[in-house]
Amino acid sequence: MSIIVNLDVMMAKRKMSLNELSEKVDLTLSNLSILKTGKAKAIRFTTLEVICKVLNCQPGDILEYREIEK
């Protein structure tokens, strides 16, 4: 996939655990884990908004586009 999810990087920068983020954004651990590992197929803008608010970051800090080399 050419969209890279850097949620773990932002969580580390903010010294926040997955459990703590889960509580603050009101999402299940399993849903956050799917997003964190890059296995998610989509993310709602409302979810991205609340994650950005809690982590005090921009969407581009969490999502990154990388072209796939052939």
Protein backbone atom coordinates (compact mmCIF):
# COMPACT_ATOMS: atom_id res chain seq x y z
CA MET A 1 0.00 0.00 0.00
CA SER A 2 1.30 3.46 -0.79
CA ILE A 3 -0.38 5.19 2.16
CA ILE A 4 1.75 4.80 5.28
CA VAL A 5 0.22 5.25 8.74
CA ASN A 6 2.64 6.86 11.19
CA LEU A 7 0.34 6.70 14.21
CA ASP A 8 2.93 4.79 16.24
CA VAL A 9 5.53 7.49 15.52
CA MET A 10 3.23 10.28 16.73
CA MET A 11 2.24 8.26 19.80
CA ALA A 12 5.92 7.75 20.66
CA LYS A 13 6.66 11.46 20.19
CA ARG A 14 3.81 12.28 22.59
CA LYS A 15 4.78 9.43 24.96
CA MET A 16 1.26 8.03 24.75
CA SER A 17 0.31 4.36 24.92
CA LEU A 18 -2.30 2.71 22.76
CA ASN A 19 -4.47 2.23 25.86
CA GLU A 20 -4.28 5.92 26.74
CA LEU A 21 -5.05 7.02 23.17
CA SER A 22 -7.94 4.55 23.01
CA GLU A 23 -9.51 6.09 26.11
CA LYS A 24 -8.99 9.68 24.95
CA VAL A 25 -10.38 9.19 21.43
CA ASP A 26 -13.09 6.73 22.51
CA LEU A 27 -12.12 3.98 20.07
CA THR A 28 -11.57 0.31 20.82
CA LEU A 29 -8.03 -0.99 21.19
CA SER A 30 -8.61 -3.37 18.28
CA ASN A 31 -9.70 -0.58 15.91
CA LEU A 32 -6.75 1.61 16.89
CA SER A 33 -4.41 -1.34 16.55
CA ILE A 34 -5.67 -2.02 13.01
CA LEU A 35 -5.04 1.62 12.14
CA LYS A 36 -1.63 1.69 13.85
CA THR A 37 -0.39 -1.40 12.00
CA GLY A 38 -1.49 -0.02 8.62
CA LYS A 39 -4.08 -2.76 8.07
CA ALA A 40 -7.01 -0.32 7.93
CA LYS A 41 -8.62 0.18 4.52
CA ALA A 42 -10.16 3.54 5.46
CA ILE A 43 -10.43 6.10 8.22
CA ARG A 44 -13.28 8.49 8.89
CA PHE A 45 -12.42 12.17 8.91
CA THR A 46 -14.08 12.49 12.31
CA THR A 47 -11.78 9.78 13.69
CA LEU A 48 -8.73 11.41 12.13
CA GLU A 49 -9.83 14.76 13.55
CA VAL A 50 -10.11 13.50 17.13
CA ILE A 51 -6.78 11.63 16.90
CA CYS A 52 -5.09 14.80 15.64
CA LYS A 53 -6.69 16.83 18.43
CA VAL A 54 -5.53 14.41 21.14
CA LEU A 55 -2.01 14.05 19.70
CA ASN A 56 -1.81 17.77 18.84
CA CYS A 57 -0.73 17.10 15.27
CA GLN A 58 -1.80 17.46 11.65
CA PRO A 59 -3.28 14.69 9.44
CA GLY A 60 -0.04 14.73 7.43
CA ASP A 61 1.85 13.77 10.58
CA ILE A 62 -0.16 10.54 10.72
CA LEU A 63 -0.75 9.72 7.05
CA GLU A 64 2.00 9.70 4.43
CA TYR A 65 1.99 8.87 0.72
CA ARG A 66 4.89 6.91 -0.73
CA GLU A 67 5.01 5.86 -4.33
CA ILE A 68 5.47 2.12 -4.81
CA GLU A 69 8.63 1.34 -6.73
CA LYS A 70 8.43 -1.35 -9.40
